[in-house]
PDB file of N, CA and C in Angstrom:
ATOM      1  N   MET A   1     -13.074  68.432  39.923  1.00  0.00           N
ATOM      2  CA  MET A   1     -12.242  67.648  39.024  1.00  0.00           C
ATOM      3  C   MET A   1     -10.818  67.676  39.573  1.00  0.00           C
ATOM      4  N   SER A   2     -10.145  66.521  39.551  1.00  0.00           N
ATOM      5  CA  SER A   2      -8.791  66.473  40.099  1.00  0.00           C
ATOM      6  C   SER A   2      -7.812  67.168  39.160  1.00  0.00           C
ATOM      7  N   ALA A   3      -6.677  67.542  39.698  1.00  0.00           N
ATOM      8  CA  ALA A   3      -5.690  68.323  38.939  1.00  0.00           C
ATOM      9  C   ALA A   3      -5.049  67.517  37.821  1.00  0.00           C
ATOM     10  N   ASN A   4      -4.996  66.176  37.963  1.00  0.00           N
ATOM     11  CA  ASN A   4      -4.318  65.376  36.936  1.00  0.00           C
ATOM     12  C   ASN A   4      -5.250  64.947  35.804  1.00  0.00           C
ATOM     13  N   LYS A   5      -6.517  65.281  35.876  1.00  0.00           N
ATOM     14  CA  LYS A   5      -7.452  64.945  34.795  1.00  0.00           C
ATOM     15  C   LYS A   5      -7.717  66.181  33.944  1.00  0.00           C
ATOM     16  N   LYS A   6      -7.664  65.961  32.647  1.00  0.00           N
ATOM     17  CA  LYS A   6      -7.891  67.056  31.703  1.00  0.00           C
ATOM     18  C   LYS A   6      -9.381  67.329  31.566  1.00  0.00           C
ATOM     19  N   ASN A   7      -9.745  68.571  31.471  1.00  0.00           N
ATOM     20  CA  ASN A   7     -11.127  68.944  31.247  1.00  0.00           C
ATOM     21  C   ASN A   7     -11.461  68.681  29.778  1.00  0.00           C
ATOM     22  N   LEU A   8     -12.208  67.620  29.527  1.00  0.00           N
ATOM     23  CA  LEU A   8     -12.507  67.218  28.150  1.00  0.00           C
ATOM     24  C   LEU A   8     -13.554  68.117  27.501  1.00  0.00           C
ATOM     25  N   GLU A   9     -14.385  68.749  28.282  1.00  0.00           N
ATOM     26  CA  GLU A   9     -15.446  69.566  27.702  1.00  0.00           C
ATOM     27  C   GLU A   9     -14.900  70.742  26.909  1.00  0.00           C
ATOM     28  N   SER A  10     -13.705  71.211  27.245  1.00  0.00           N
ATOM     29  CA  SER A  10     -13.142  72.342  26.508  1.00  0.00           C
ATOM     30  C   SER A  10     -12.706  71.941  25.098  1.00  0.00           C
ATOM     31  N   ASP A  11     -12.533  70.619  24.837  1.00  0.00           N
ATOM     32  CA  ASP A  11     -12.114  70.145  23.515  1.00  0.00           C
ATOM     33  C   ASP A  11     -13.293  69.974  22.549  1.00  0.00           C
ATOM     34  N   TRP A  12     -14.517  69.939  23.071  1.00  0.00           N
ATOM     35  CA  TRP A  12     -15.676  69.719  22.223  1.00  0.00           C
ATOM     36  C   TRP A  12     -15.981  70.960  21.406  1.00  0.00           C
ATOM     37  N   GLN A  13     -16.327  70.710  20.151  1.00  0.00           N
ATOM     38  CA  GLN A  13     -16.731  71.809  19.269  1.00  0.00           C
ATOM     39  C   GLN A  13     -18.243  71.804  19.152  1.00  0.00           C
ATOM     40  N   ASP A  14     -18.778  72.915  18.770  1.00  0.00           N
ATOM     41  CA  ASP A  14     -20.215  73.027  18.569  1.00  0.00           C
ATOM     42  C   ASP A  14     -20.610  72.158  17.378  1.00  0.00           C
ATOM     43  N   PRO A  15     -21.530  71.188  17.543  1.00  0.00           N
ATOM     44  CA  PRO A  15     -21.913  70.321  16.418  1.00  0.00           C
ATOM     45  C   PRO A  15     -22.545  71.096  15.265  1.00  0.00           C
ATOM     46  N   ASP A  16     -23.043  72.296  15.535  1.00  0.00           N
ATOM     47  CA  ASP A  16     -23.629  73.096  14.464  1.00  0.00           C
ATOM     48  C   ASP A  16     -22.566  73.653  13.520  1.00  0.00           C
ATOM     49  N   ASP A  17     -21.286  73.619  13.937  1.00  0.00           N
ATOM     50  CA  ASP A  17     -20.198  74.090  13.086  1.00  0.00           C
ATOM     51  C   ASP A  17     -19.825  73.075  12.004  1.00  0.00           C
ATOM     52  N   ALA A  18     -20.229  71.835  12.186  1.00  0.00           N
ATOM     53  CA  ALA A  18     -19.879  70.788  11.227  1.00  0.00           C
ATOM     54  C   ALA A  18     -20.715  70.958   9.959  1.00  0.00           C
ATOM     55  N   PRO A  19     -20.104  70.702   8.776  1.00  0.00           N
ATOM     56  CA  PRO A  19     -20.884  70.831   7.532  1.00  0.00           C
ATOM     57  C   PRO A  19     -21.905  69.709   7.414  1.00  0.00           C
ATOM     58  N   ASP A  20     -22.971  69.966   6.712  1.00  0.00           N
ATOM     59  CA  ASP A  20     -23.995  68.962   6.449  1.00  0.00           C
ATOM     60  C   ASP A  20     -23.507  68.090   5.296  1.00  0.00           C
ATOM     61  N   LEU A  21     -23.070  66.868   5.605  1.00  0.00           N
ATOM     62  CA  LEU A  21     -22.485  65.986   4.594  1.00  0.00           C
ATOM     63  C   LEU A  21     -23.529  65.313   3.705  1.00  0.00           C
ATOM     64  N   SER A  22     -24.797  65.546   3.972  1.00  0.00           N
ATOM     65  CA  SER A  22     -25.836  64.941   3.138  1.00  0.00           C
ATOM     66  C   SER A  22     -26.252  65.840   1.984  1.00  0.00           C
ATOM     67  N   THR A  23     -25.641  67.002   1.849  1.00  0.00           N
ATOM     68  CA  THR A  23     -25.996  67.905   0.757  1.00  0.00           C
ATOM     69  C   THR A  23     -25.469  67.357  -0.569  1.00  0.00           C
ATOM     70  N   PRO A  24     -26.115  67.710  -1.680  1.00  0.00           N
ATOM     71  CA  PRO A  24     -25.668  67.225  -2.989  1.00  0.00           C
ATOM     72  C   PRO A  24     -24.202  67.582  -3.281  1.00  0.00           C
ATOM     73  N   GLU A  25     -23.772  68.723  -2.807  1.00  0.00           N
ATOM     74  CA  GLU A  25     -22.384  69.137  -3.035  1.00  0.00           C
ATOM     75  C   GLU A  25     -21.406  68.134  -2.419  1.00  0.00           C
ATOM     76  N   TRP A  26     -21.652  67.758  -1.168  1.00  0.00           N
ATOM     77  CA  TRP A  26     -20.771  66.801  -0.497  1.00  0.00           C
ATOM     78  C   TRP A  26     -20.933  65.401  -1.094  1.00  0.00           C
ATOM     79  N   GLN A  27     -22.155  65.024  -1.448  1.00  0.00           N
ATOM     80  CA  GLN A  27     -22.374  63.700  -2.038  1.00  0.00           C
ATOM     81  C   GLN A  27     -21.604  63.554  -3.352  1.00  0.00           C
ATOM     82  N   ALA A  28     -21.533  64.631  -4.150  1.00  0.00           N
ATOM     83  CA  ALA A  28     -20.774  64.601  -5.404  1.00  0.00           C
ATOM     84  C   ALA A  28     -19.281  64.424  -5.118  1.00  0.00           C
ATOM     85  N   ILE A  29     -18.798  65.091  -4.092  1.00  0.00           N
ATOM     86  CA  ILE A  29     -17.381  64.955  -3.722  1.00  0.00           C
ATOM     87  C   ILE A  29     -17.091  63.518  -3.301  1.00  0.00           C
ATOM     88  N   PHE A  30     -17.965  62.931  -2.464  1.00  0.00           N
ATOM     89  CA  PHE A  30     -17.766  61.557  -1.999  1.00  0.00           C
ATOM     90  C   PHE A  30     -17.824  60.564  -3.159  1.00  0.00           C
ATOM     91  N   ALA A  31     -18.671  60.825  -4.148  1.00  0.00           N
ATOM     92  CA  ALA A  31     -18.818  59.907  -5.276  1.00  0.00           C
ATOM     93  C   ALA A  31     -17.553  59.851  -6.129  1.00  0.00           C
ATOM     94  N   LYS A  32     -16.783  60.939  -6.149  1.00  0.00           N
ATOM     95  CA  LYS A  32     -15.566  60.988  -6.963  1.00  0.00           C
ATOM     96  C   LYS A  32     -14.385  60.272  -6.313  1.00  0.00           C
ATOM     97  N   VAL A  33     -14.429  60.121  -5.009  1.00  0.00           N
ATOM     98  CA  VAL A  33     -13.288  59.547  -4.284  1.00  0.00           C
ATOM     99  C   VAL A  33     -13.383  58.031  -4.323  1.00  0.00           C
ATOM    100  N   PRO A  34     -12.309  57.354  -4.818  1.00  0.00           N
ATOM    101  CA  PRO A  34     -12.344  55.888  -4.839  1.00  0.00           C
ATOM    102  C   PRO A  34     -12.250  55.331  -3.418  1.00  0.00           C
ATOM    103  N   VAL A  35     -12.958  54.234  -3.196  1.00  0.00           N
ATOM    104  CA  VAL A  35     -12.937  53.584  -1.885  1.00  0.00           C
ATOM    105  C   VAL A  35     -11.779  52.602  -1.861  1.00  0.00           C
ATOM    106  N   ARG A  36     -10.843  52.809  -0.956  1.00  0.00           N
ATOM    107  CA  ARG A  36      -9.701  51.905  -0.807  1.00  0.00           C
ATOM    108  C   ARG A  36      -9.619  51.512   0.659  1.00  0.00           C
ATOM    109  N   ARG A  37      -9.959  50.290   0.937  1.00  0.00           N
ATOM    110  CA  ARG A  37      -9.911  49.808   2.309  1.00  0.00           C
ATOM    111  C   ARG A  37      -8.879  48.695   2.423  1.00  0.00           C
ATOM    112  N   GLY A  38      -8.076  48.763   3.446  1.00  0.00           N
ATOM    113  CA  GLY A  38      -7.101  47.707   3.704  1.00  0.00           C
ATOM    114  C   GLY A  38      -5.926  47.763   2.756  1.00  0.00           C
ATOM    115  N   ARG A  39      -5.128  46.736   2.832  1.00  0.00           N
ATOM    116  CA  ARG A  39      -3.955  46.630   1.964  1.00  0.00           C
ATOM    117  C   ARG A  39      -4.380  46.229   0.559  1.00  0.00           C
ATOM    118  N   PRO A  40      -3.599  46.638  -0.438  1.00  0.00           N
ATOM    119  CA  PRO A  40      -3.928  46.168  -1.797  1.00  0.00           C
ATOM    120  C   PRO A  40      -3.726  44.657  -1.878  1.00  0.00           C
ATOM    121  N   PRO A  41      -4.544  43.973  -2.662  1.00  0.00           N
ATOM    122  CA  PRO A  41      -4.393  42.521  -2.759  1.00  0.00           C
ATOM    123  C   PRO A  41      -3.060  42.141  -3.399  1.00  0.00           C
ATOM    124  N   LEU A  42      -2.471  41.070  -2.900  1.00  0.00           N
ATOM    125  CA  LEU A  42      -1.205  40.573  -3.439  1.00  0.00           C
ATOM    126  C   LEU A  42      -1.465  39.653  -4.616  1.00  0.00           C
ATOM    127  N   ASP A  43      -0.522  39.626  -5.568  1.00  0.00           N
ATOM    128  CA  ASP A  43      -0.644  38.695  -6.687  1.00  0.00           C
ATOM    129  C   ASP A  43      -0.530  37.254  -6.200  1.00  0.00           C
ATOM    130  N   GLU A  44       0.378  37.025  -5.250  1.00  0.00           N
ATOM    131  CA  GLU A  44       0.565  35.699  -4.675  1.00  0.00           C
ATOM    132  C   GLU A  44       0.557  35.813  -3.154  1.00  0.00           C
ATOM    133  N   PRO A  45      -0.627  35.791  -2.550  1.00  0.00           N
ATOM    134  CA  PRO A  45      -0.691  35.936  -1.097  1.00  0.00           C
ATOM    135  C   PRO A  45      -0.069  34.740  -0.384  1.00  0.00           C
ATOM    136  N   LYS A  46       0.421  34.975   0.821  1.00  0.00           N
ATOM    137  CA  LYS A  46       1.005  33.891   1.601  1.00  0.00           C
ATOM    138  C   LYS A  46      -0.100  32.950   2.058  1.00  0.00           C
ATOM    139  N   VAL A  47       0.283  31.707   2.321  1.00  0.00           N
ATOM    140  CA  VAL A  47      -0.650  30.666   2.714  1.00  0.00           C
ATOM    141  C   VAL A  47      -0.362  30.269   4.151  1.00  0.00           C
ATOM    142  N   SER A  48      -1.395  30.200   4.947  1.00  0.00           N
ATOM    143  CA  SER A  48      -1.243  29.750   6.324  1.00  0.00           C
ATOM    144  C   SER A  48      -1.137  28.230   6.334  1.00  0.00           C
ATOM    145  N   THR A  49      -0.169  27.714   7.090  1.00  0.00           N
ATOM    146  CA  THR A  49       0.036  26.275   7.152  1.00  0.00           C
ATOM    147  C   THR A  49       0.566  25.907   8.531  1.00  0.00           C
ATOM    148  N   THR A  50       0.638  24.636   8.783  1.00  0.00           N
ATOM    149  CA  THR A  50       1.234  24.126  10.016  1.00  0.00           C
ATOM    150  C   THR A  50       2.434  23.285   9.626  1.00  0.00           C
ATOM    151  N   ILE A  51       3.533  23.491  10.323  1.00  0.00           N
ATOM    152  CA  ILE A  51       4.758  22.741  10.030  1.00  0.00           C
ATOM    153  C   ILE A  51       5.382  22.326  11.352  1.00  0.00           C
ATOM    154  N   ARG A  52       5.934  21.125  11.395  1.00  0.00           N
ATOM    155  CA  ARG A  52       6.583  20.646  12.610  1.00  0.00           C
ATOM    156  C   ARG A  52       8.082  20.840  12.457  1.00  0.00           C
ATOM    157  N   LEU A  53       8.668  21.548  13.438  1.00  0.00           N
ATOM    158  CA  LEU A  53      10.093  21.814  13.446  1.00  0.00           C
ATOM    159  C   LEU A  53      10.699  21.286  14.744  1.00  0.00           C
ATOM    160  N   ASP A  54      11.975  20.947  14.698  1.00  0.00           N
ATOM    161  CA  ASP A  54      12.665  20.565  15.929  1.00  0.00           C
ATOM    162  C   ASP A  54      12.663  21.757  16.876  1.00  0.00           C
ATOM    163  N   ALA A  55      12.559  21.474  18.160  1.00  0.00           N
ATOM    164  CA  ALA A  55      12.464  22.531  19.169  1.00  0.00           C
ATOM    165  C   ALA A  55      13.677  23.451  19.138  1.00  0.00           C
ATOM    166  N   ASP A  56      14.870  22.885  18.941  1.00  0.00           N
ATOM    167  CA  ASP A  56      16.075  23.715  18.942  1.00  0.00           C
ATOM    168  C   ASP A  56      16.133  24.633  17.718  1.00  0.00           C
ATOM    169  N   VAL A  57      15.619  24.161  16.589  1.00  0.00           N
ATOM    170  CA  VAL A  57      15.590  24.996  15.379  1.00  0.00           C
ATOM    171  C   VAL A  57      14.635  26.163  15.587  1.00  0.00           C
ATOM    172  N   LEU A  58      13.452  25.871  16.073  1.00  0.00           N
ATOM    173  CA  LEU A  58      12.460  26.916  16.320  1.00  0.00           C
ATOM    174  C   LEU A  58      12.970  27.909  17.363  1.00  0.00           C
ATOM    175  N   SER A  59      13.581  27.393  18.414  1.00  0.00           N
ATOM    176  CA  SER A  59      14.114  28.261  19.467  1.00  0.00           C
ATOM    177  C   SER A  59      15.183  29.198  18.914  1.00  0.00           C
ATOM    178  N   ALA A  60      16.036  28.685  18.039  1.00  0.00           N
ATOM    179  CA  ALA A  60      17.111  29.507  17.463  1.00  0.00           C
ATOM    180  C   ALA A  60      16.535  30.641  16.622  1.00  0.00           C
ATOM    181  N   PHE A  61      15.529  30.350  15.813  1.00  0.00           N
ATOM    182  CA  PHE A  61      14.922  31.403  14.985  1.00  0.00           C
ATOM    183  C   PHE A  61      14.182  32.421  15.852  1.00  0.00           C
ATOM    184  N   ARG A  62      13.456  31.947  16.858  1.00  0.00           N
ATOM    185  CA  ARG A  62      12.709  32.862  17.726  1.00  0.00           C
ATOM    186  C   ARG A  62      13.632  33.727  18.574  1.00  0.00           C
ATOM    187  N   SER A  63      14.792  33.190  18.928  1.00  0.00           N
ATOM    188  CA  SER A  63      15.720  33.952  19.776  1.00  0.00           C
ATOM    189  C   SER A  63      16.299  35.159  19.039  1.00  0.00           C
ATOM    190  N   GLU A  64      16.221  35.158  17.720  1.00  0.00           N
ATOM    191  CA  GLU A  64      16.716  36.290  16.934  1.00  0.00           C
ATOM    192  C   GLU A  64      15.721  37.452  16.924  1.00  0.00           C
ATOM    193  N   GLY A  65      14.549  37.248  17.533  1.00  0.00           N
ATOM    194  CA  GLY A  65      13.581  38.333  17.661  1.00  0.00           C
ATOM    195  C   GLY A  65      12.463  38.271  16.646  1.00  0.00           C
ATOM    196  N   PRO A  66      11.670  39.347  16.579  1.00  0.00           N
ATOM    197  CA  PRO A  66      10.529  39.396  15.659  1.00  0.00           C
ATOM    198  C   PRO A  66      10.968  39.185  14.210  1.00  0.00           C
ATOM    199  N   GLY A  67      10.084  38.564  13.443  1.00  0.00           N
ATOM    200  CA  GLY A  67      10.386  38.272  12.045  1.00  0.00           C
ATOM    201  C   GLY A  67      10.931  36.874  11.845  1.00  0.00           C
ATOM    202  N   TRP A  68      10.844  36.047  12.880  1.00  0.00           N
ATOM    203  CA  TRP A  68      11.420  34.710  12.770  1.00  0.00           C
ATOM    204  C   TRP A  68      10.726  33.878  11.697  1.00  0.00           C
ATOM    205  N   GLN A  69       9.433  34.054  11.495  1.00  0.00           N
ATOM    206  CA  GLN A  69       8.739  33.301  10.450  1.00  0.00           C
ATOM    207  C   GLN A  69       9.222  33.723   9.064  1.00  0.00           C
ATOM    208  N   THR A  70       9.470  35.006   8.886  1.00  0.00           N
ATOM    209  CA  THR A  70      10.001  35.503   7.614  1.00  0.00           C
ATOM    210  C   THR A  70      11.390  34.943   7.371  1.00  0.00           C
ATOM    211  N   ARG A  71      12.213  34.874   8.424  1.00  0.00           N
ATOM    212  CA  ARG A  71      13.562  34.317   8.260  1.00  0.00           C
ATOM    213  C   ARG A  71      13.506  32.840   7.882  1.00  0.00           C
ATOM    214  N   ILE A  72      12.589  32.078   8.481  1.00  0.00           N
ATOM    215  CA  ILE A  72      12.430  30.671   8.095  1.00  0.00           C
ATOM    216  C   ILE A  72      12.022  30.587   6.629  1.00  0.00           C
ATOM    217  N   ASN A  73      11.107  31.449   6.203  1.00  0.00           N
ATOM    218  CA  ASN A  73      10.678  31.477   4.807  1.00  0.00           C
ATOM    219  C   ASN A  73      11.854  31.789   3.888  1.00  0.00           C
ATOM    220  N   ASP A  74      12.715  32.736   4.299  1.00  0.00           N
ATOM    221  CA  ASP A  74      13.886  33.099   3.485  1.00  0.00           C
ATOM    222  C   ASP A  74      14.858  31.927   3.350  1.00  0.00           C
ATOM    223  N   VAL A  75      15.056  31.186   4.433  1.00  0.00           N
ATOM    224  CA  VAL A  75      15.947  30.020   4.390  1.00  0.00           C
ATOM    225  C   VAL A  75      15.384  28.953   3.455  1.00  0.00           C
ATOM    226  N   LEU A  76      14.094  28.716   3.547  1.00  0.00           N
ATOM    227  CA  LEU A  76      13.471  27.724   2.657  1.00  0.00           C
ATOM    228  C   LEU A  76      13.534  28.173   1.195  1.00  0.00           C
ATOM    229  N   ARG A  77      13.341  29.466   0.942  1.00  0.00           N
ATOM    230  CA  ARG A  77      13.432  29.975  -0.423  1.00  0.00           C
ATOM    231  C   ARG A  77      14.854  29.831  -0.971  1.00  0.00           C
ATOM    232  N   ALA A  78      15.848  30.148  -0.139  1.00  0.00           N
ATOM    233  CA  ALA A  78      17.248  30.005  -0.558  1.00  0.00           C
ATOM    234  C   ALA A  78      17.558  28.542  -0.892  1.00  0.00           C
ATOM    235  N   HIS A  79      17.010  27.627  -0.114  1.00  0.00           N
ATOM    236  CA  HIS A  79      17.207  26.197  -0.397  1.00  0.00           C
ATOM    237  C   HIS A  79      16.597  25.832  -1.753  1.00  0.00           C
ATOM    238  N   LEU A  80      15.387  26.331  -2.023  1.00  0.00           N
ATOM    239  CA  LEU A  80      14.750  26.049  -3.315  1.00  0.00           C
ATOM    240  C   LEU A  80      15.558  26.635  -4.469  1.00  0.00           C
ATOM    241  N   ASP A  81      16.105  27.833  -4.278  1.00  0.00           N
ATOM    242  CA  ASP A  81      16.929  28.460  -5.319  1.00  0.00           C
ATOM    243  C   ASP A  81      18.183  27.634  -5.595  1.00  0.00           C
ATOM    244  N   ARG A  82      18.818  27.139  -4.530  1.00  0.00           N
ATOM    245  CA  ARG A  82      20.016  26.306  -4.716  1.00  0.00           C
ATOM    246  C   ARG A  82      19.667  25.017  -5.441  1.00  0.00           C
ATOM    247  N   GLN A  83      18.522  24.433  -5.091  1.00  0.00           N
ATOM    248  CA  GLN A  83      18.095  23.179  -5.742  1.00  0.00           C
ATOM    249  C   GLN A  83      17.819  23.403  -7.224  1.00  0.00           C
ATOM    250  N   SER A  84      17.201  24.527  -7.568  1.00  0.00           N
ATOM    251  CA  SER A  84      16.893  24.773  -8.981  1.00  0.00           C
ATOM    252  C   SER A  84      18.148  25.083  -9.774  1.00  0.00           C
ATOM    253  N   ASN A  85      19.201  25.627  -9.146  1.00  0.00           N
ATOM    254  CA  ASN A  85      20.446  25.919  -9.830  1.00  0.00           C
ATOM    255  C   ASN A  85      21.262  24.649 -10.073  1.00  0.00           C
ATOM    256  N   ARG A  86      21.048  23.612  -9.309  1.00  0.00           N
ATOM    257  CA  ARG A  86      21.770  22.332  -9.474  1.00  0.00           C
ATOM    258  C   ARG A  86      21.257  21.564 -10.669  1.00  0.00           C
ATOM    259  N   ARG A  87      20.073  21.827 -11.081  1.00  0.00           N
ATOM    260  CA  ARG A  87      19.470  21.039 -12.180  1.00  0.00           C
ATOM    261  C   ARG A  87      19.851  21.559 -13.506  1.00  0.00           C
TER     262      ARG A  87
END
């Protein structure tokens, strides 16, 4: 084995040391734990859409780095807020 490779066999544990998860004791523990997978659902999830923007506008938002779609969303929301305040 070369000097720059780690000996992985030393990290392995004896499989007989692992508890038997099929026993009634472990099954009762698993039954009590709620299953939570992924993110919690949003009340108002975002919607995927396609929008056509001028190249210079898109370039300006993208040049500010990651999160450019969120910034576009914030600008559109601010516009809607201003429009609702005018009425």
